[in-house]
Amino acid sequence: MRYNPAVFFDKGVIVILCVTSNPALDRTLVIPGFTPGRIFRPDSLIVAPGGKGVNVARALRVVGGEGVCAGFLAGHNGRLLAELAEREGLPGVWTWVEGGETRICTIIAAPDMDATVINEFGPRVTAEDWDRLHADVVREAARADAVCFSGSLPPGASQTGFDGLVRTLRGAGRSVWVDTSGASLHTALAIPGVHIKVNGDEAGEVLGKTVNDVLSAAGAALELQSRGVGIVVLTLGALGAVIAQAGRCWHAQPPALKVMSAVGSGDSFFAGLVLPVTLGLPLDESVRRGVAAGAANALTVGGGSFSREDYERVLAGTTVTAL
């Protein structure tokens, strides 16, 4: 769809600005029986705009919200990504970089096995490029109900620029969510009021401990939340997720499912969580909906491409418990 903010933001629905500073052109090959070192022909090939925030925007449409994509694009791959996003109905506010190419992410999926994912490097960005992204995001965030940052920073991007952008948004009173890892996660955790979504491994790296079950995740979420950030959410794959705020914690558990591909399930969870929180639903119900969206995504191939019917069915079997 052609992006017209004057129309788009007057639709009466919750709008989330989904920032992926290092988006990707996803090429998903479905290859039953795949093993390394042999020659295969895929049963199917899906080429789609990708990157974690793009998946969030796609999933938001399934669960009842709207997402606007933002991030750096470059070269032929970037032009193709923007074109495919428009065809798909995902509006984008892109910041274009001279030189380099938007990265390609190759995903090999097959029934009854974990997907193989190969992430290329994105284009190198300069301080001037980041300044333009900063301006684009701040402008569009003023129209949105919340802002989500997803994924890694592109080559050349500094933590100083990321820190400055998030602090500017928080200073303007925007609701900001961050799903990242490593240095960027450390940066986000130092900014008061930012909401954090991570998985157990990412939380464990920050805290220097193993986080691999519900009790350790609850303890980690409460510990991170005590540092002054806002809501903290830890995802645990098939074990669901925990959410913590103000010393309280809940665990949501999906029903047992036959997984096709878990690629994009964390992003679908993010969409399923942020929308109800932004609508003002209680945290226990919000994390239940997030877990249902993530689990429904695992039933299909393609990040955020699950159906509303699967989401509703999984939601009916998803439970939540106070810890």
Protein backbone atom coordinates (compact mmCIF):
# COMPACT_ATOMS: atom_id res chain seq x y z
CA MET A 1 0.00 0.00 0.00
CA ARG A 2 1.13 3.52 -0.68
CA TYR A 3 1.95 5.08 2.67
CA ASN A 4 -0.16 8.15 3.44
CA PRO A 5 0.21 9.02 7.15
CA ALA A 6 -2.61 11.56 7.06
CA VAL A 7 -5.00 8.71 6.26
CA PHE A 8 -3.25 5.77 7.87
CA PHE A 9 -3.16 7.12 11.41
CA ASP A 10 -6.84 8.12 11.38
CA LYS A 11 -8.15 4.56 11.05
CA GLY A 12 -9.05 4.22 14.72
CA VAL A 13 -6.74 1.25 15.38
CA ILE A 14 -3.59 0.92 17.45
CA VAL A 15 -0.53 1.78 15.35
CA ILE A 16 2.93 0.53 16.29
CA LEU A 17 6.06 1.94 14.66
CA CYS A 18 8.29 -1.10 14.07
CA VAL A 19 11.94 -0.08 13.76
CA THR A 20 14.34 -2.59 12.21
CA SER A 21 17.60 -0.75 11.67
CA ASN A 22 19.04 -3.77 9.82
CA PRO A 23 16.17 -5.32 7.82
CA ALA A 24 16.62 -8.23 5.43
CA LEU A 25 15.21 -9.73 2.29
CA ASP A 26 14.10 -13.18 3.49
CA ARG A 27 14.47 -16.18 1.18
CA THR A 28 12.78 -19.21 2.77
CA LEU A 29 13.32 -22.60 1.13
CA VAL A 30 11.18 -25.53 2.27
CA ILE A 31 13.33 -28.68 1.83
CA PRO A 32 12.01 -31.86 3.46
CA GLY A 33 14.83 -34.13 4.64
CA PHE A 34 17.46 -31.42 4.40
CA THR A 35 20.96 -32.33 5.62
CA PRO A 36 24.25 -30.49 4.93
CA GLY A 37 26.59 -31.64 2.17
CA ARG A 38 24.01 -32.82 -0.39
CA ILE A 39 22.18 -31.32 -3.38
CA PHE A 40 18.50 -30.50 -2.91
CA ARG A 41 15.67 -28.85 -4.79
CA PRO A 42 13.20 -27.02 -2.55
CA ASP A 43 9.51 -27.89 -2.51
CA SER A 44 8.77 -24.18 -2.32
CA LEU A 45 10.47 -20.80 -2.12
CA ILE A 46 9.15 -17.71 -0.33
CA VAL A 47 10.79 -14.33 -0.92
CA ALA A 48 9.50 -11.67 1.45
CA PRO A 49 10.51 -8.50 3.29
CA GLY A 50 12.04 -9.52 6.59
CA GLY A 51 13.96 -8.55 9.65
CA LYS A 52 12.51 -8.77 13.13
CA GLY A 53 10.52 -5.53 13.09
CA VAL A 54 9.03 -6.28 9.67
CA ASN A 55 7.82 -9.60 11.06
CA VAL A 56 6.29 -7.70 14.00
CA ALA A 57 4.43 -5.39 11.62
CA ARG A 58 3.14 -8.37 9.63
CA ALA A 59 1.95 -10.16 12.77
CA LEU A 60 0.25 -7.03 14.09
CA ARG A 61 -2.22 -7.16 11.22
CA VAL A 62 -3.19 -10.71 12.23
CA VAL A 63 -3.84 -9.87 15.89
CA GLY A 64 -5.75 -6.66 15.20
CA GLY A 65 -3.28 -3.78 15.07
CA GLU A 66 -1.33 -1.96 12.39
CA GLY A 67 2.43 -1.73 12.01
CA VAL A 68 4.52 0.85 10.15
CA CYS A 69 8.02 -0.33 9.21
CA ALA A 70 11.11 1.83 9.57
CA GLY A 71 14.81 1.20 9.06
CA PHE A 72 17.72 1.45 6.64
CA LEU A 73 17.48 0.18 3.07
CA ALA A 74 20.14 0.11 0.38
CA GLY A 75 20.73 -1.00 -3.20
CA HIS A 76 18.80 -3.42 -5.38
CA ASN A 77 17.87 -5.66 -2.44
CA GLY A 78 16.48 -2.66 -0.61
CA ARG A 79 14.36 -1.60 -3.55
CA LEU A 80 12.99 -5.12 -3.88
CA LEU A 81 12.24 -5.28 -0.15
CA ALA A 82 10.36 -1.96 -0.28
CA GLU A 83 8.39 -3.11 -3.34
CA LEU A 84 7.46 -6.43 -1.77
CA ALA A 85 6.43 -4.72 1.47
CA GLU A 86 4.17 -2.36 -0.47
CA ARG A 87 2.60 -5.27 -2.38
CA GLU A 88 1.98 -7.03 0.92
CA GLY A 89 0.31 -4.00 2.44
CA LEU A 90 3.07 -3.23 4.94
CA PRO A 91 3.58 0.55 5.00
CA GLY A 92 7.18 1.68 5.36
CA VAL A 93 9.05 4.85 6.27
CA TRP A 94 12.49 3.87 5.00
CA THR A 95 15.81 5.67 5.43
CA TRP A 96 17.94 5.08 2.33
CA VAL A 97 21.69 4.51 2.48
CA GLU A 98 24.09 5.21 -0.39
CA GLY A 99 26.29 2.24 -1.22
CA GLY A 100 26.05 -1.37 -0.13
CA GLU A 101 23.08 -3.69 -0.19
CA THR A 102 20.31 -4.59 2.19
CA ARG A 103 21.23 -8.02 3.51
CA ILE A 104 19.66 -11.32 2.48
CA CYS A 105 18.55 -13.85 5.08
CA THR A 106 18.41 -17.44 3.80
CA ILE A 107 16.15 -19.77 5.77
CA ILE A 108 15.99 -23.52 5.18
CA ALA A 109 12.87 -25.02 6.73
CA ALA A 110 11.66 -28.61 6.87
CA PRO A 111 9.10 -30.51 8.95
CA ASP A 112 10.40 -32.06 12.18
CA MET A 113 13.68 -30.14 12.28
CA ASP A 114 14.89 -26.77 13.45
CA ALA A 115 15.22 -24.19 10.68
CA THR A 116 18.68 -23.27 9.42
CA VAL A 117 19.13 -19.49 9.21
CA ILE A 118 22.00 -17.68 7.46
CA ASN A 119 22.06 -13.92 8.13
CA GLU A 120 24.25 -11.80 5.87
CA PHE A 121 25.70 -8.41 6.82
CA GLY A 122 23.70 -5.25 6.15
CA PRO A 123 25.00 -2.04 4.57
CA ARG A 124 27.50 0.02 6.55
CA VAL A 125 25.93 3.21 7.89
CA THR A 126 27.55 6.48 8.87
CA ALA A 127 26.79 8.89 11.71
CA GLU A 128 24.99 11.07 9.15
CA ASP A 129 22.85 8.10 8.07
CA TRP A 130 21.90 7.47 11.69
CA ASP A 131 20.98 11.13 12.15
CA ARG A 132 18.54 10.79 9.25
CA LEU A 133 17.06 7.61 10.73
CA HIS A 134 16.78 9.41 14.08
CA ALA A 135 14.79 12.22 12.46
CA ASP A 136 12.57 9.82 10.49
CA VAL A 137 11.75 7.69 13.54
CA VAL A 138 11.08 10.64 15.86
CA ARG A 139 8.76 12.21 13.28
CA GLU A 140 6.74 9.06 12.71
CA ALA A 141 6.73 8.05 16.39
CA ALA A 142 4.71 11.19 17.15
CA ARG A 143 1.86 9.62 15.17
CA ALA A 144 2.13 6.11 16.65
CA ASP A 145 0.77 4.60 19.86
CA ALA A 146 4.04 2.81 20.64
CA VAL A 147 7.48 2.19 19.15
CA CYS A 148 9.23 -1.20 18.91
CA PHE A 149 12.94 -1.63 18.22
CA SER A 150 13.84 -5.10 16.99
CA GLY A 151 17.08 -6.83 16.12
CA SER A 152 20.70 -5.87 15.70
CA LEU A 153 22.27 -2.63 14.59
CA PRO A 154 23.79 -2.50 11.09
CA PRO A 155 27.57 -2.31 10.55
CA GLY A 156 28.92 1.13 11.47
CA ALA A 157 26.04 2.06 13.77
CA SER A 158 27.07 3.14 17.26
CA GLN A 159 25.50 2.48 20.62
CA THR A 160 25.65 6.24 21.20
CA GLY A 161 23.24 6.83 18.31
CA PHE A 162 20.89 4.07 19.45
CA ASP A 163 20.97 5.37 23.02
CA GLY A 164 20.24 8.91 21.85
CA LEU A 165 17.27 7.86 19.74
CA VAL A 166 15.62 5.80 22.47
CA ARG A 167 16.21 8.53 25.06
CA THR A 168 14.71 11.13 22.72
CA LEU A 169 11.58 9.02 22.30
CA ARG A 170 11.29 8.40 26.04
CA GLY A 171 11.80 12.11 26.71
CA ALA A 172 8.89 12.83 24.36
CA GLY A 173 6.69 10.48 26.39
CA ARG A 174 6.59 7.68 23.83
CA SER A 175 6.02 4.06 24.87
CA VAL A 176 9.19 2.25 23.75
CA TRP A 177 9.80 -1.50 23.53
CA VAL A 178 13.18 -3.07 22.74
CA ASP A 179 13.92 -6.61 21.55
CA THR A 180 17.67 -6.94 21.05
CA SER A 181 20.76 -8.55 22.52
CA GLY A 182 24.41 -7.96 23.38
CA ALA A 183 25.64 -4.37 23.58
CA SER A 184 22.31 -2.93 22.44
CA LEU A 185 20.48 -4.76 25.23
CA HIS A 186 22.92 -3.34 27.79
CA THR A 187 22.26 0.12 26.30
CA ALA A 188 18.48 -0.27 26.52
CA LEU A 189 18.60 -1.55 30.10
CA ALA A 190 20.25 1.72 31.17
CA ILE A 191 17.33 3.84 29.90
CA PRO A 192 14.55 4.33 32.50
CA GLY A 193 11.06 3.26 31.52
CA VAL A 194 11.97 1.27 28.41
CA HIS A 195 10.09 -2.02 28.09
CA ILE A 196 12.32 -5.02 27.40
CA LYS A 197 11.55 -8.26 25.55
CA VAL A 198 14.35 -10.87 25.46
CA ASN A 199 14.75 -14.63 25.43
CA GLY A 200 16.29 -16.71 28.18
CA ASP A 201 19.75 -16.85 26.59
CA GLU A 202 19.85 -13.08 26.12
CA ALA A 203 18.78 -12.43 29.71
CA GLY A 204 21.29 -14.97 30.96
CA GLU A 205 24.12 -13.25 29.10
CA VAL A 206 23.30 -9.93 30.77
CA LEU A 207 22.96 -11.43 34.24
CA GLY A 208 25.75 -13.99 34.03
CA LYS A 209 23.52 -16.94 34.85
CA THR A 210 21.62 -19.74 33.15
CA VAL A 211 17.99 -18.95 32.33
CA ASN A 212 16.33 -22.05 30.90
CA ASP A 213 13.13 -22.72 32.83
CA VAL A 214 10.14 -20.87 34.24
CA LEU A 215 11.53 -20.26 37.74
CA SER A 216 14.92 -18.99 36.54
CA ALA A 217 13.16 -16.82 33.94
CA ALA A 218 10.87 -15.32 36.58
CA GLY A 219 13.85 -14.49 38.78
CA ALA A 220 15.74 -12.98 35.85
CA ALA A 221 12.75 -10.89 34.75
CA LEU A 222 12.25 -9.49 38.24
CA GLU A 223 15.98 -8.76 38.56
CA LEU A 224 16.07 -6.90 35.25
CA GLN A 225 12.87 -5.05 36.07
CA SER A 226 14.35 -3.85 39.35
CA ARG A 227 17.01 -1.92 37.41
CA GLY A 228 14.51 0.80 36.54
CA VAL A 229 13.21 -0.31 33.16
CA GLY A 230 9.50 -0.76 32.53
CA ILE A 231 7.91 -4.11 31.73
CA VAL A 232 10.28 -7.06 31.26
CA VAL A 233 9.30 -10.13 29.24
CA LEU A 234 11.35 -13.32 28.80
CA THR A 235 10.41 -15.86 26.14
CA LEU A 236 11.21 -19.56 26.61
CA GLY A 237 10.17 -21.27 23.38
CA ALA A 238 7.84 -24.19 24.03
CA LEU A 239 7.73 -23.24 27.74
CA GLY A 240 5.98 -19.95 26.87
CA ALA A 241 7.02 -16.70 28.50
CA VAL A 242 7.11 -14.78 31.75
CA ILE A 243 6.30 -11.11 32.27
CA ALA A 244 7.26 -8.91 35.22
CA GLN A 245 6.42 -5.43 36.46
CA ALA A 246 6.38 -3.77 39.87
CA GLY A 247 7.53 -6.96 41.63
CA ARG A 248 4.77 -9.12 40.15
CA CYS A 249 5.28 -11.92 37.62
CA TRP A 250 3.12 -14.21 35.46
CA HIS A 251 3.84 -17.22 33.26
CA ALA A 252 1.91 -18.04 30.08
CA GLN A 253 2.09 -21.54 28.56
CA PRO A 254 0.93 -22.53 25.04
CA PRO A 255 -0.65 -25.91 24.28
CA ALA A 256 1.47 -28.68 22.74
CA LEU A 257 1.76 -28.12 18.98
CA LYS A 258 3.46 -29.65 15.95
CA VAL A 259 6.02 -27.00 14.97
CA MET A 260 6.69 -26.30 11.30
CA SER A 261 9.14 -23.39 11.73
CA ALA A 262 9.91 -21.25 14.76
CA VAL A 263 11.45 -18.48 12.62
CA GLY A 264 9.61 -15.24 13.43
CA SER A 265 7.82 -16.68 16.47
CA GLY A 266 9.58 -14.28 18.84
CA ASP A 267 8.53 -11.39 16.62
CA SER A 268 4.96 -12.65 16.44
CA PHE A 269 4.98 -12.95 20.23
CA PHE A 270 6.19 -9.33 20.38
CA ALA A 271 3.26 -8.17 18.23
CA GLY A 272 0.77 -10.25 20.21
CA LEU A 273 2.09 -8.77 23.46
CA VAL A 274 2.60 -5.09 22.65
CA LEU A 275 -0.84 -4.60 21.11
CA PRO A 276 -2.90 -5.60 24.20
CA VAL A 277 -0.50 -3.78 26.56
CA THR A 278 -0.95 -0.63 24.46
CA LEU A 279 -4.71 -1.14 24.54
CA GLY A 280 -4.53 -1.21 28.34
CA LEU A 281 -5.25 -4.90 28.93
CA PRO A 282 -3.83 -6.50 32.10
CA LEU A 283 -0.32 -7.91 31.84
CA ASP A 284 -1.40 -11.51 32.46
CA GLU A 285 -3.84 -11.38 29.55
CA SER A 286 -1.32 -9.53 27.38
CA VAL A 287 1.39 -12.15 27.84
CA ARG A 288 -1.17 -14.90 27.18
CA ARG A 289 -2.01 -13.31 23.85
CA GLY A 290 1.65 -12.84 23.05
CA VAL A 291 2.41 -16.50 23.69
CA ALA A 292 -0.54 -17.56 21.54
CA ALA A 293 0.67 -15.42 18.64
CA GLY A 294 4.20 -16.81 18.88
CA ALA A 295 2.96 -20.39 19.02
CA ALA A 296 0.55 -19.89 16.11
CA ASN A 297 3.43 -18.55 14.01
CA ALA A 298 5.36 -21.81 14.59
CA LEU A 299 2.62 -23.71 12.76
CA THR A 300 3.55 -22.06 9.43
CA VAL A 301 6.55 -21.04 7.33
CA GLY A 302 7.30 -17.31 7.17
CA GLY A 303 7.77 -14.80 9.98
CA GLY A 304 4.46 -13.33 11.13
CA SER A 305 2.46 -15.13 8.41
CA PHE A 306 0.15 -17.16 10.63
CA SER A 307 -3.63 -17.07 10.31
CA ARG A 308 -6.17 -15.46 12.60
CA GLU A 309 -7.89 -18.85 12.90
CA ASP A 310 -4.71 -20.52 14.17
CA TYR A 311 -4.15 -17.64 16.58
CA GLU A 312 -7.66 -17.91 18.05
CA ARG A 313 -7.38 -21.69 18.34
CA VAL A 314 -4.01 -21.55 20.10
CA LEU A 315 -5.17 -18.69 22.33
CA ALA A 316 -8.05 -20.83 23.60
CA GLY A 317 -5.52 -23.42 24.83
CA THR A 318 -2.97 -20.97 26.28
CA THR A 319 -2.96 -20.66 30.07
CA VAL A 320 -1.51 -18.04 32.42
CA THR A 321 -0.43 -18.42 36.05
CA ALA A 322 0.71 -15.91 38.68
CA LEU A 323 4.17 -16.72 40.05
